[in-house]
């Protein structure tokens, strides 16, 4: 008999350790592991972690086998792993109905359970009786399933199980926008059952998705049907959100030791090595103690101060847990493994020695890892006074199988029995290795031969869609419908992937479906989904963004390929050339560099060998020869109805009859795609607009777009210039649900006063007195404008619903929705943006990636509000919510106003674009109030155009998407902008168009500087005459007023008879004289405060200072709402939740400039923190400090000779307008008076001998 080697002896020692601490607890039937002898339930996460040591030991035996017995041990250990993994699979498959429901709802009621019965695999606690939604647990199972399968284990045995795993991928792919209870099952730190976004869950989901992508679950014995597919865009969404969150773990936890599992083994989910190191040091610095690491700050679990009889904590209890949090040796095991993977031998040695010092010796000298170390109850006060000095006692499970498993795994690796690559066969450990530069291939296609010829004249040679055959070109939404078939299984009632929009990573691959190659155009140019692509400038912006995104996020084999079609909507108004912005972009693409990306343009056929290609085997025919199973035949119910479409391509080539090429074009795949597209090529049902006649007598019966835009101007109290910034809440008023409330802006009395006419006065009636809808349909044939067609269709939509058949031209005729869809296309061609937004609102057009945009903002530690203050109209969004719920919330906050609702969604998308690319714009902003931002945008237009509130709102709604985005940028950044107002002929009438221009150092935008010299000269002459009549006047032209907060350049044009003329030059000059005669600095500080107040912007470190001042008083009161000092016992100074709590009190103030002065008052108050004052009283009324400062200011200004007009007070707040417009510093600055007021307010609490600074 051969002698046993030293390594074999040591392996046997670890084998006994594994047997005594882990395997002896494994259930003989299910293979599951109970949490401990006292807790017989099997937690998914604990089971997976606990079996890792068994898996690692099996790999070690397989690698170091001395004898046949060692190979037998290796097999036995591996089968124990398979048994446990299959046991967990059985637990989850029994809840397949929850997997199906959760894909659509992301609800805590529909999630998989976190723990099961060890002996039966049944559930052990109700849906609402435990924090079951733990995305990291399901993700960890999938990640290790992938790693174990790659190592050679056969865990999945049937295609039904493959389909279930595919649906688990769909279950976790939305982790980046799913708030869950997290790895500790408690959710929010307050332990009150509140879910939140957790970095540990998102990171683990990202790792699982990457690991499973293109993995054959049958291993070497599998085929195309057993391969798992993951959409790359979902992975990258997880990465973006994860990177934006770290090193913060969640909204309530500024740091959490569980993130070690994300930045290192097993997930390796973070690609930025610097961020990995920052996060690790944050954990070590803030959480490490003498016995391990705390889970997070103020963690009360198993501390002497925790009441085990209560499930939840009281908020103020958290302060009791500070400095006595239990320490977990588990995290040192993570750090040992991390050191081995990173090659840091010092770290490995340090933590191995530390961990050995806290192990408990069991029977026969077995080393056991305890769950945690706690402060003895009799030494709590001592630990409070001197943290990390008291000797702690082990508590909880012994051994803690999770920690025991990682400890054994670390020992096996440290002693050389396992190499990193053996427990990481998918090479996730190389996540931080720099990736090679990406070259993006761009294929430009022409929609028609005519466009191809136009491009050729510009020196751009392209192919048409027909020319690229046999490669087929389809829009991105078709790919979404194809992927919706993935993972379907009749026996388990699994419907596959929910219909979601396709990201640019998904559309940048070539797809093989049966025998055909397909390419898909990017989602952002699909005009049917949403109206942003109708703006050619936005197309350029979105392509630039997508190219940059591809360069930084592409991780697949092969190059990304973007297919960019040039359609007739991308031509200019003449239709004879490409839009100048698009043409410039096409030229830059030809040059090989655009948007920070390296570009190669060419033909699709040239890119076949270098592109990333994917075979969609799930589209292959079933055994009966059908591309889809009998049980899932395609029907209108099986996918979302597709909208009207103007152009599409590819599959129509067969009609050209190209011999042999045409024979198999209409194979079953083509028929399937034709079925998808059949709803998207509409018949023209809507009659053309009439040149004469119309609906003048019916105009008052409908809520026209102009009604929407000018609601504000009809209210007597709407004076934007006087009130300051308020476009009142009437622009949000809900008046679309009741026809009787509709009024018309076109009807006037002889004296010019507008009045409301009730709809019933003008609507056609039938014999029963009801509205005669057929008569309304008849009017569609004689409508003179698209606007009036929209009016009639909206009326029919309101009265009869979207699916009512109009009987237009035939019976039953097109539905109202079909006519609206066709009208949307027509209006899109005219670029009437207010009407486009209005019809989009009626049709409930989906804003692509709205829920992702919301999650992007939330993950950057921002909360959102929609609607106008105060609550409850203003709704707060603090956690990600599903798309449908989000849209419903916005509709409710917009009070059912369609245009405001769709604009809110549009603004949310732009905000997400900016926070991804320019996060500095949002510095010191924790709550983004979209309703107030829309108000500010309208107000700035009113100020710039010198118009009423109603006109400003109408102009805002008429802005193109690119101008809307530009205006938002200038509002956020505070940069100056110019406004061009023009009038163009559209739809047989004149339409006002406003555009936003950047303003340079001279105060004028580029067009004004280059092309309006003559205009400036004429204006200068008028101003010179004015100066001569006003001796000593220092009037400056508006473009030279660089000190004003925004400089405005207003140019009015009319387009008629083919030439441009200046309108009303005399009145225009007089307007400029009035503007120039004002002091350019007047109103500057008031407007700055107004903007900062609306944007919730505060000074750096403001919230930390508020936290400190709360410790010296009983609370701060703002307009009757109290921020109690007990908040500091619940939250830490750096906690985002605290900042949001402070803002929730400040946001009770509806006037933004008043709110900003209150912020300044609190800031002055916080200066007392650095003074030797133990207390400054009870509850401090901040508004009293501000009003006392205002009185001091008023008295001093009055003494200096200021008249009553200058010192006029705001009727709503009582604050002098001149104080609003005072700079913070200086003799008459706000800080001067606020400091005096604070000193008077707290005088009684100051020491008699004065205050000394600490």
Foldseek 3Di string as FASTA:
>chain_A
DDDADPVRVVLVVLVVLLVVQPVVQQDPPQLAHAQFPVGQKGFLQLRLLLLLLLLLSLLLLVVPPPDVVSPVSSVVSLVSVLSHLLSQLVLVLVLLVLLQVCLFFLDLQSDRARIARSHPSHRDDHSPPFQGPELLSLLSSLLLLLLSVLLPRQNDDDLLSLLSVLSSLSNLLCLLFHFGCYPVRQAALQSPSDTWRFLSNLLSSLQSLVSQAQGQSRHPPGDPSRHHHHALVSSVLSQLLNVLQPPQGTQFFHHFLSCLCRCAPPRVRHQAVVRSVVSVVVQCVPFDAQQAGAGTALRPPPEPQDDVVDSGHDLLCSLLSGLFGWHALLSLLSQLRRCQLVVPVVSNVVSLVSSQVNWDQDPPRNTAGAGTWGAPPVCSVVCVVPHRPGDTDGDDHIRSSSSSSSNSSSVCVVVPSDHVCSSVVVPSSCSNPDDDFAAEEEAEEEQDVLQQVQVVVVVDHHYHQLVQPVEFEEAQQLVLLVQQCRSDDDVSRRRGNARAGRAQSNQQFWEDQPHGIYGYAHNVCACLQDPQNLDVVSVLVVVLVRQVVCRVSPDDAFHGYHYHYDYQSQPDPVSNHGDPVVSVSSVVLPVQAGSNHGYDYDHPVVRPVRGHYYYPCLQAADPVRASDDPVCPDDCVSHPQGFAADGDDGLCSLVVVPDPSNPCSVPNVSVVVCVNCVRHHDDDQQADEAQDDAQVLQQQQFCFLLNLLQQQVLDPPFFCVVQPQFSDQSNLAADHLDSQPGADPVDADPVGRGDGDGNLVRFDADPVRDGDLLVLLVRSNHHLFLRRVLRSLSVCCNPPNQQQQNQRVHPPHHGSVNNLSVSLVVVSSQLQQSVNQQSCLSNVRDDRCLLSLQSLQLSSQAKEWAAADDPPLIDIHNRRGRPVVVLVNNCSSSNNRSNSSSVLSLVSNLVSVCCSPPVVLLPQFRYAYSNLLLSNLLSVQCVQVVHTSSVSSSQLSRARSVQVSVSSVCLSVLAAKEKEWEWEDDSNDIDIHIGIAHADPQQHGPCCVPPVPVVVVVLVVVVVVVCVVPDPQDFDQQSNLNQASYGYDYFYWYADPNDIDGPPSVVVSVVRRVVRRDDRLPCRLLSVQQSCLNSVHADPLLQLLLLLQLQQEQFEAEPRDTDGNSSCSSGPSPNSVSVVVVVSRLVNDNRRLVSSLLSLLVVLVSVCSQKPFNHQYYYHYSLQLLVQLQVVLVVVVVVVPDDCVQQPASVVNRHGPVQSSADCDDPSHSVNSSNVSSCVSRVVRADPVGIDGD
